[in-house]
Amino acid sequence: MPMTDDALTLAAPAVSIDEATALIQACYGLAGRIEPIPGERDRNFRLTDAAGRGFVLKMANPAEPPSITQLQTATLAHLAARDPGLPVPRVVPTRDGRLEFAHGEPPMMTRLLTYLDGISLHASPPSSVQAGRLGALLGRIDRALADFRHPAMARDLLWDATRVGQVRGLLPHIDDAEGRQLVARQIDRFEAEVAPRLAALPRQLIHNDLNPHNAVTRAGDPEAIAGIIDFGDVLEAPAVADLGTALAYQMGGEAGPLERALVFARGYHAVRPLSGEEIAVLPDLMAARMVLTIAITHWRAGLQPGNSAYILRNNPGAWAGLHRLTAMAPGQAATEFRRALEDAAG
């Protein structure tokens, strides 16, 4: 059986808008228009105050250990200290100076974050310029996190592309037999040929979830990146896994299936240079993330049909990307990445 993260299998308790409104007023002295926003495992509310400032109240799933919320808070504080100009959320302290606190029964670790205004990347037209800028921003985040340490960073999470074999037990939830076999072959290959090579690569805390719903573009200018959000899946892993995960959502372009992915990787490489060994595993990490998206979302949509639209939002893209990536000749994707990044270095 796979390791099943309880925060993924158990829905967070319901919280009313009235309760969230009272909580924000009492703890932060803020008021305004409040609306619920979806989340994979937490309860989230957006507040817009009279001055137009935006905030997000995040109430963690009670099944998630408090140490994980503390890890996320420490991550954002570290980024603010290392690279103050990074467009990522900031943690807002309570009236009495706390960055997080337990609320409700069962208790939910609760925080207030600044809200990054803009248009979600998934709703913005893609382009090579956009991809390059987003890659550079992820490179800045990974560069800033290189010296970060926290007791909870070596966490177990199903959403860890470097341990894709964890989801093998979820494959029966994929109804399509041919697709299920394709996913199984990718897991077999990764465990046999790729996982042993990852141990020698540099490790650090990574964002681990740069999908199109976790980046924001500037309103009126889809090529300008307004920021990266949602640090809920941060974990310690080979640093290059952060790039591989992000690239899984950058398939496509007029010049070929890897056009935007190559530009994204060049943007990242210009900020946090990659070794030859890291470049070589990029396509495999991309495929691993696609496998995770397919397996986990099929499984969770069955467990939580009421939240299935949100859970499955990246599923079609993962299937399309995996088919396009595996249709390439063996070694072709790795060769294209190597050439693109060697040319950029030159």
Protein backbone atom coordinates (compact mmCIF):
# COMPACT_ATOMS: atom_id res chain seq x y z
CA MET A 1 0.00 0.00 0.00
CA PRO A 2 1.22 3.56 -0.61
CA MET A 3 1.98 5.94 2.17
CA THR A 4 -1.30 7.88 2.47
CA ASP A 5 -0.98 11.37 3.87
CA ASP A 6 -3.93 11.80 6.27
CA ALA A 7 -4.21 15.46 5.29
CA LEU A 8 -4.98 14.26 1.76
CA THR A 9 -7.59 11.70 2.78
CA LEU A 10 -9.47 13.65 5.46
CA ALA A 11 -11.34 16.84 4.65
CA ALA A 12 -10.76 19.79 6.94
CA PRO A 13 -13.71 20.73 9.19
CA ALA A 14 -16.20 23.21 7.79
CA VAL A 15 -15.65 26.84 8.81
CA SER A 16 -18.31 29.43 8.14
CA ILE A 17 -17.67 32.88 6.72
CA ASP A 18 -19.04 34.36 9.95
CA GLU A 19 -16.54 32.38 12.01
CA ALA A 20 -13.65 33.40 9.75
CA THR A 21 -14.79 37.04 9.87
CA ALA A 22 -14.88 37.06 13.66
CA LEU A 23 -11.51 35.32 13.89
CA ILE A 24 -9.76 37.83 11.60
CA GLN A 25 -11.30 40.77 13.45
CA ALA A 26 -10.38 39.44 16.88
CA CYS A 27 -6.85 38.25 16.09
CA TYR A 28 -5.70 40.74 13.47
CA GLY A 29 -7.98 43.74 13.84
CA LEU A 30 -8.91 43.53 10.16
CA ALA A 31 -12.30 43.68 8.48
CA GLY A 32 -13.64 43.71 4.95
CA ARG A 33 -15.11 41.42 2.32
CA ILE A 34 -14.43 37.75 3.04
CA GLU A 35 -14.92 34.83 0.67
CA PRO A 36 -13.87 31.17 0.82
CA ILE A 37 -11.24 29.99 -1.64
CA PRO A 38 -10.58 26.33 -2.53
CA GLY A 39 -7.66 24.33 -1.23
CA GLU A 40 -6.41 20.78 -1.55
CA ARG A 41 -6.51 19.99 2.16
CA ASP A 42 -6.99 23.21 4.20
CA ARG A 43 -9.70 25.82 4.81
CA ASN A 44 -8.84 29.13 3.16
CA PHE A 45 -10.53 32.53 3.09
CA ARG A 46 -9.64 35.69 1.21
CA LEU A 47 -10.10 39.05 2.92
CA THR A 48 -10.12 42.35 1.04
CA ASP A 49 -10.12 45.32 3.41
CA ALA A 50 -11.45 48.84 2.85
CA ALA A 51 -8.06 49.97 1.51
CA GLY A 52 -8.09 47.22 -1.12
CA ARG A 53 -5.38 45.16 0.57
CA GLY A 54 -5.73 41.40 0.22
CA PHE A 55 -5.03 38.67 2.77
CA VAL A 56 -5.51 34.90 2.96
CA LEU A 57 -6.57 33.18 6.17
CA LYS A 58 -5.17 29.65 6.05
CA MET A 59 -6.50 27.07 8.48
CA ALA A 60 -4.48 23.87 8.24
CA ASN A 61 -6.07 20.45 8.09
CA PRO A 62 -6.09 19.02 11.66
CA ALA A 63 -4.46 15.85 10.31
CA GLU A 64 -1.36 17.83 9.41
CA PRO A 65 1.21 18.01 12.22
CA PRO A 66 1.79 21.54 13.61
CA SER A 67 5.47 21.16 12.72
CA ILE A 68 4.55 21.27 9.01
CA THR A 69 2.72 24.59 9.39
CA GLN A 70 5.71 25.85 11.35
CA LEU A 71 7.98 24.71 8.51
CA GLN A 72 5.95 26.71 5.99
CA THR A 73 5.97 29.81 8.17
CA ALA A 74 9.73 29.54 8.70
CA THR A 75 10.23 29.09 4.95
CA LEU A 76 8.44 32.34 4.13
CA ALA A 77 10.33 34.19 6.86
CA HIS A 78 13.64 32.89 5.49
CA LEU A 79 12.78 33.98 1.95
CA ALA A 80 11.85 37.46 3.19
CA ALA A 81 15.22 37.73 4.92
CA ARG A 82 17.38 36.27 2.13
CA ASP A 83 15.72 37.98 -0.84
CA PRO A 84 13.31 40.72 0.34
CA GLY A 85 12.24 41.50 -3.22
CA LEU A 86 10.87 38.03 -3.89
CA PRO A 87 7.17 38.21 -4.79
CA VAL A 88 5.90 35.56 -2.39
CA PRO A 89 3.37 35.81 0.45
CA ARG A 90 4.38 37.32 3.76
CA VAL A 91 3.12 36.07 7.13
CA VAL A 92 1.08 38.68 9.01
CA PRO A 93 1.47 38.61 12.82
CA THR A 94 -1.53 38.66 15.13
CA ARG A 95 -2.21 41.61 17.41
CA ASP A 96 -0.09 39.94 20.08
CA GLY A 97 2.75 39.05 17.70
CA ARG A 98 2.06 35.39 16.93
CA LEU A 99 2.72 34.11 13.40
CA GLU A 100 0.42 31.11 13.85
CA PHE A 101 -1.97 29.70 16.42
CA ALA A 102 -4.33 26.78 16.95
CA HIS A 103 -8.05 27.39 16.45
CA GLY A 104 -11.12 25.20 16.77
CA GLU A 105 -11.73 21.60 17.76
CA PRO A 106 -10.06 19.60 16.41
CA PRO A 107 -7.41 22.35 16.36
CA MET A 108 -6.36 23.85 13.05
CA MET A 109 -3.05 25.72 12.84
CA THR A 110 -4.04 29.15 11.57
CA ARG A 111 -2.11 31.92 9.81
CA LEU A 112 -2.79 35.08 7.85
CA LEU A 113 -0.77 35.72 4.69
CA THR A 114 -0.62 38.63 2.32
CA TYR A 115 -2.50 38.06 -0.93
CA LEU A 116 -0.68 38.44 -4.25
CA ASP A 117 -2.92 40.29 -6.70
CA GLY A 118 -2.97 39.26 -10.33
CA ILE A 119 -4.25 36.61 -12.70
CA SER A 120 -3.60 32.93 -12.01
CA LEU A 121 -1.10 31.47 -14.46
CA HIS A 122 -3.60 28.84 -15.57
CA ALA A 123 -5.89 31.63 -16.80
CA SER A 124 -3.11 33.57 -18.57
CA PRO A 125 -2.02 32.87 -22.16
CA PRO A 126 1.35 31.05 -22.10
CA SER A 127 4.43 32.37 -23.83
CA SER A 128 8.17 31.79 -23.92
CA VAL A 129 8.83 35.15 -22.24
CA GLN A 130 6.50 34.23 -19.42
CA ALA A 131 8.16 30.81 -19.04
CA GLY A 132 11.65 32.29 -18.88
CA ARG A 133 10.67 34.82 -16.23
CA LEU A 134 8.90 32.22 -14.14
CA GLY A 135 11.93 29.93 -14.36
CA ALA A 136 14.20 32.73 -13.15
CA LEU A 137 11.88 33.43 -10.22
CA LEU A 138 11.90 29.78 -9.16
CA GLY A 139 15.68 29.87 -9.43
CA ARG A 140 15.75 32.83 -7.04
CA ILE A 141 13.58 30.94 -4.55
CA ASP A 142 15.80 27.86 -4.66
CA ARG A 143 18.94 29.95 -4.39
CA ALA A 144 17.51 31.70 -1.33
CA LEU A 145 16.51 28.39 0.28
CA ALA A 146 19.88 26.69 -0.24
CA ASP A 147 20.99 27.33 3.35
CA PHE A 148 17.58 26.87 5.00
CA ARG A 149 17.30 24.23 7.70
CA HIS A 150 14.31 23.09 9.76
CA PRO A 151 13.61 19.91 11.78
CA ALA A 152 10.48 19.13 9.73
CA MET A 153 11.91 19.61 6.25
CA ALA A 154 12.74 15.92 5.76
CA ARG A 155 9.04 15.10 5.58
CA ASP A 156 7.16 12.21 3.99
CA LEU A 157 4.77 13.43 1.30
CA LEU A 158 3.05 11.64 -1.53
CA TRP A 159 3.77 14.71 -3.69
CA ASP A 160 7.50 13.91 -3.83
CA ALA A 161 8.53 13.20 -7.41
CA THR A 162 11.82 11.66 -6.31
CA ARG A 163 9.85 8.89 -4.54
CA VAL A 164 7.27 8.27 -7.23
CA GLY A 165 7.08 4.57 -6.37
CA GLN A 166 4.98 5.50 -3.33
CA VAL A 167 1.91 5.86 -5.56
CA ARG A 168 2.13 2.42 -7.16
CA GLY A 169 -0.68 1.22 -4.90
CA LEU A 170 -2.95 3.96 -6.22
CA LEU A 171 -2.84 2.79 -9.84
CA PRO A 172 -6.02 0.67 -9.59
CA HIS A 173 -7.91 3.97 -9.29
CA ILE A 174 -6.96 4.73 -12.93
CA ASP A 175 -9.81 3.22 -14.93
CA ASP A 176 -8.13 3.27 -18.34
CA ALA A 177 -6.04 0.08 -18.63
CA GLU A 178 -3.67 1.41 -21.28
CA GLY A 179 -3.05 4.59 -19.33
CA ARG A 180 -2.54 2.61 -16.13
CA GLN A 181 0.12 0.50 -17.85
CA LEU A 182 1.88 3.60 -19.15
CA VAL A 183 2.04 5.04 -15.63
CA ALA A 184 3.28 1.73 -14.21
CA ARG A 185 6.09 1.59 -16.80
CA GLN A 186 7.21 5.08 -15.85
CA ILE A 187 7.38 4.12 -12.18
CA ASP A 188 9.37 0.96 -13.00
CA ARG A 189 11.87 2.89 -15.10
CA PHE A 190 12.28 5.66 -12.55
CA GLU A 191 12.94 3.31 -9.67
CA ALA A 192 15.41 1.20 -11.65
CA GLU A 193 17.33 3.85 -13.58
CA VAL A 194 16.78 7.30 -12.08
CA ALA A 195 16.34 7.05 -8.31
CA PRO A 196 19.87 5.66 -7.74
CA ARG A 197 21.35 8.72 -9.49
CA LEU A 198 19.53 11.23 -7.30
CA ALA A 199 21.47 10.45 -4.12
CA ALA A 200 24.57 12.25 -5.42
CA LEU A 201 22.74 15.48 -6.28
CA PRO A 202 22.63 18.53 -3.98
CA ARG A 203 19.66 18.59 -1.62
CA GLN A 204 17.75 21.43 0.02
CA LEU A 205 14.25 22.64 0.79
CA ILE A 206 12.21 23.16 -2.39
CA HIS A 207 8.81 24.70 -3.19
CA ASN A 208 7.77 21.41 -4.82
CA ASP A 209 4.48 22.57 -6.37
CA LEU A 210 4.91 25.20 -9.07
CA ASN A 211 1.81 24.26 -11.03
CA PRO A 212 -0.24 26.83 -13.02
CA HIS A 213 -2.51 27.50 -10.04
CA ASN A 214 0.42 28.48 -7.82
CA ALA A 215 1.82 31.33 -9.90
CA VAL A 216 0.27 34.72 -10.58
CA THR A 217 0.75 37.01 -13.57
CA ARG A 218 0.25 40.75 -13.56
CA ALA A 219 -3.21 41.89 -14.61
CA GLY A 220 -3.04 43.22 -18.16
CA ASP A 221 0.44 41.79 -18.77
CA PRO A 222 0.49 37.96 -18.80
CA GLU A 223 4.23 37.91 -19.48
CA ALA A 224 4.97 39.64 -16.15
CA ILE A 225 5.12 37.31 -13.14
CA ALA A 226 3.46 38.82 -10.06
CA GLY A 227 4.52 36.02 -7.75
CA ILE A 228 4.57 32.40 -6.60
CA ILE A 229 2.21 31.18 -3.89
CA ASP A 230 1.31 28.09 -1.84
CA PHE A 231 4.31 26.71 0.03
CA GLY A 232 2.23 23.90 1.52
CA ASP A 233 4.23 21.11 -0.15
CA VAL A 234 7.75 22.28 0.72
CA LEU A 235 10.15 19.46 1.52
CA GLU A 236 13.80 18.50 1.38
CA ALA A 237 14.79 16.87 -1.91
CA PRO A 238 17.37 17.17 -4.67
CA ALA A 239 17.19 20.83 -5.67
CA VAL A 240 16.69 19.95 -9.33
CA ALA A 241 13.40 18.23 -8.43
CA ASP A 242 11.88 21.69 -7.98
CA LEU A 243 12.67 22.50 -11.59
CA GLY A 244 11.53 19.10 -12.85
CA THR A 245 8.20 19.49 -11.07
CA ALA A 246 7.65 22.97 -12.53
CA LEU A 247 8.62 21.84 -16.03
CA ALA A 248 5.92 19.17 -15.96
CA TYR A 249 3.45 22.04 -16.42
CA GLN A 250 5.42 23.79 -19.17
CA MET A 251 4.97 21.35 -22.04
CA GLY A 252 4.11 22.83 -25.43
CA GLY A 253 4.90 25.59 -27.87
CA GLU A 254 4.90 26.11 -31.62
CA ALA A 255 8.49 24.89 -32.01
CA GLY A 256 7.87 21.55 -30.30
CA PRO A 257 6.67 19.88 -27.10
CA LEU A 258 9.63 21.16 -25.06
CA GLU A 259 9.74 24.74 -26.34
CA ARG A 260 8.46 26.47 -23.19
CA ALA A 261 10.15 23.94 -20.90
CA LEU A 262 13.54 24.71 -22.43
CA VAL A 263 13.05 28.46 -22.03
CA PHE A 264 11.88 27.97 -18.44
CA ALA A 265 14.95 25.85 -17.68
CA ARG A 266 17.26 28.49 -19.20
CA GLY A 267 15.69 31.13 -16.96
CA TYR A 268 16.24 28.94 -13.91
CA HIS A 269 19.78 27.95 -14.96
CA ALA A 270 20.80 31.61 -15.31
CA VAL A 271 20.03 32.14 -11.62
CA ARG A 272 20.83 28.75 -10.09
CA PRO A 273 23.23 26.96 -12.46
CA LEU A 274 22.63 23.26 -12.99
CA SER A 275 25.27 20.57 -13.18
CA GLY A 276 25.37 18.08 -16.04
CA GLU A 277 24.08 15.38 -13.72
CA GLU A 278 21.10 17.54 -12.75
CA ILE A 279 20.28 18.38 -16.36
CA ALA A 280 20.34 14.69 -17.31
CA VAL A 281 17.48 13.78 -14.96
CA LEU A 282 15.14 16.66 -15.82
CA PRO A 283 12.89 14.72 -18.25
CA ASP A 284 12.59 11.87 -15.76
CA LEU A 285 11.57 14.24 -12.97
CA MET A 286 9.02 15.83 -15.28
CA ALA A 287 7.50 12.43 -16.05
CA ALA A 288 7.52 11.52 -12.36
CA ARG A 289 5.52 14.63 -11.47
CA MET A 290 3.01 13.84 -14.21
CA VAL A 291 2.65 10.32 -12.80
CA LEU A 292 2.02 11.73 -9.32
CA THR A 293 -0.61 14.13 -10.63
CA ILE A 294 -2.41 11.35 -12.49
CA ALA A 295 -2.33 8.76 -9.71
CA ILE A 296 -3.03 10.99 -6.73
CA THR A 297 -5.82 12.98 -8.32
CA HIS A 298 -7.66 9.90 -9.61
CA TRP A 299 -7.48 8.43 -6.11
CA ARG A 300 -8.48 11.60 -4.22
CA ALA A 301 -11.32 12.51 -6.58
CA GLY A 302 -12.93 9.20 -5.64
CA LEU A 303 -12.50 9.90 -1.94
CA GLN A 304 -13.83 13.47 -2.10
CA PRO A 305 -16.27 13.72 -5.01
CA GLY A 306 -17.53 17.07 -3.73
CA ASN A 307 -14.06 18.55 -4.27
CA SER A 308 -13.26 16.58 -7.43
CA ALA A 309 -13.26 19.57 -9.81
CA TYR A 310 -10.51 21.22 -7.79
CA ILE A 311 -8.60 17.99 -7.25
CA LEU A 312 -8.65 17.07 -10.96
CA ARG A 313 -7.78 20.53 -12.30
CA ASN A 314 -4.28 19.51 -13.43
CA ASN A 315 -5.13 15.93 -14.42
CA PRO A 316 -5.82 16.43 -18.17
CA GLY A 317 -2.59 18.39 -18.62
CA ALA A 318 -0.61 15.65 -16.88
CA TRP A 319 -1.99 12.98 -19.20
CA ALA A 320 -1.31 15.11 -22.28
CA GLY A 321 2.20 15.94 -21.10
CA LEU A 322 3.07 12.34 -20.28
CA HIS A 323 1.91 11.14 -23.68
CA ARG A 324 3.92 13.84 -25.47
CA LEU A 325 7.03 13.24 -23.39
CA THR A 326 6.99 9.46 -23.77
CA ALA A 327 6.33 9.76 -27.52
CA MET A 328 9.76 11.35 -27.97
CA ALA A 329 12.69 9.17 -28.98
CA PRO A 330 14.67 7.71 -26.06
CA GLY A 331 17.17 10.28 -24.81
CA GLN A 332 15.83 13.06 -27.05
CA ALA A 333 14.44 15.21 -24.23
CA ALA A 334 17.63 14.98 -22.18
CA THR A 335 19.68 15.91 -25.24
CA GLU A 336 17.50 18.95 -25.92
CA PHE A 337 17.85 20.17 -22.35
CA ARG A 338 21.62 19.67 -22.40
CA ARG A 339 22.03 21.58 -25.65
CA ALA A 340 19.76 24.41 -24.53
CA LEU A 341 21.49 24.88 -21.21
CA GLU A 342 25.00 24.46 -22.57
CA ASP A 343 24.24 27.13 -25.17
CA ALA A 344 22.88 29.39 -22.43
CA ALA A 345 26.05 28.89 -20.39
CA GLY A 346 28.19 29.68 -23.39
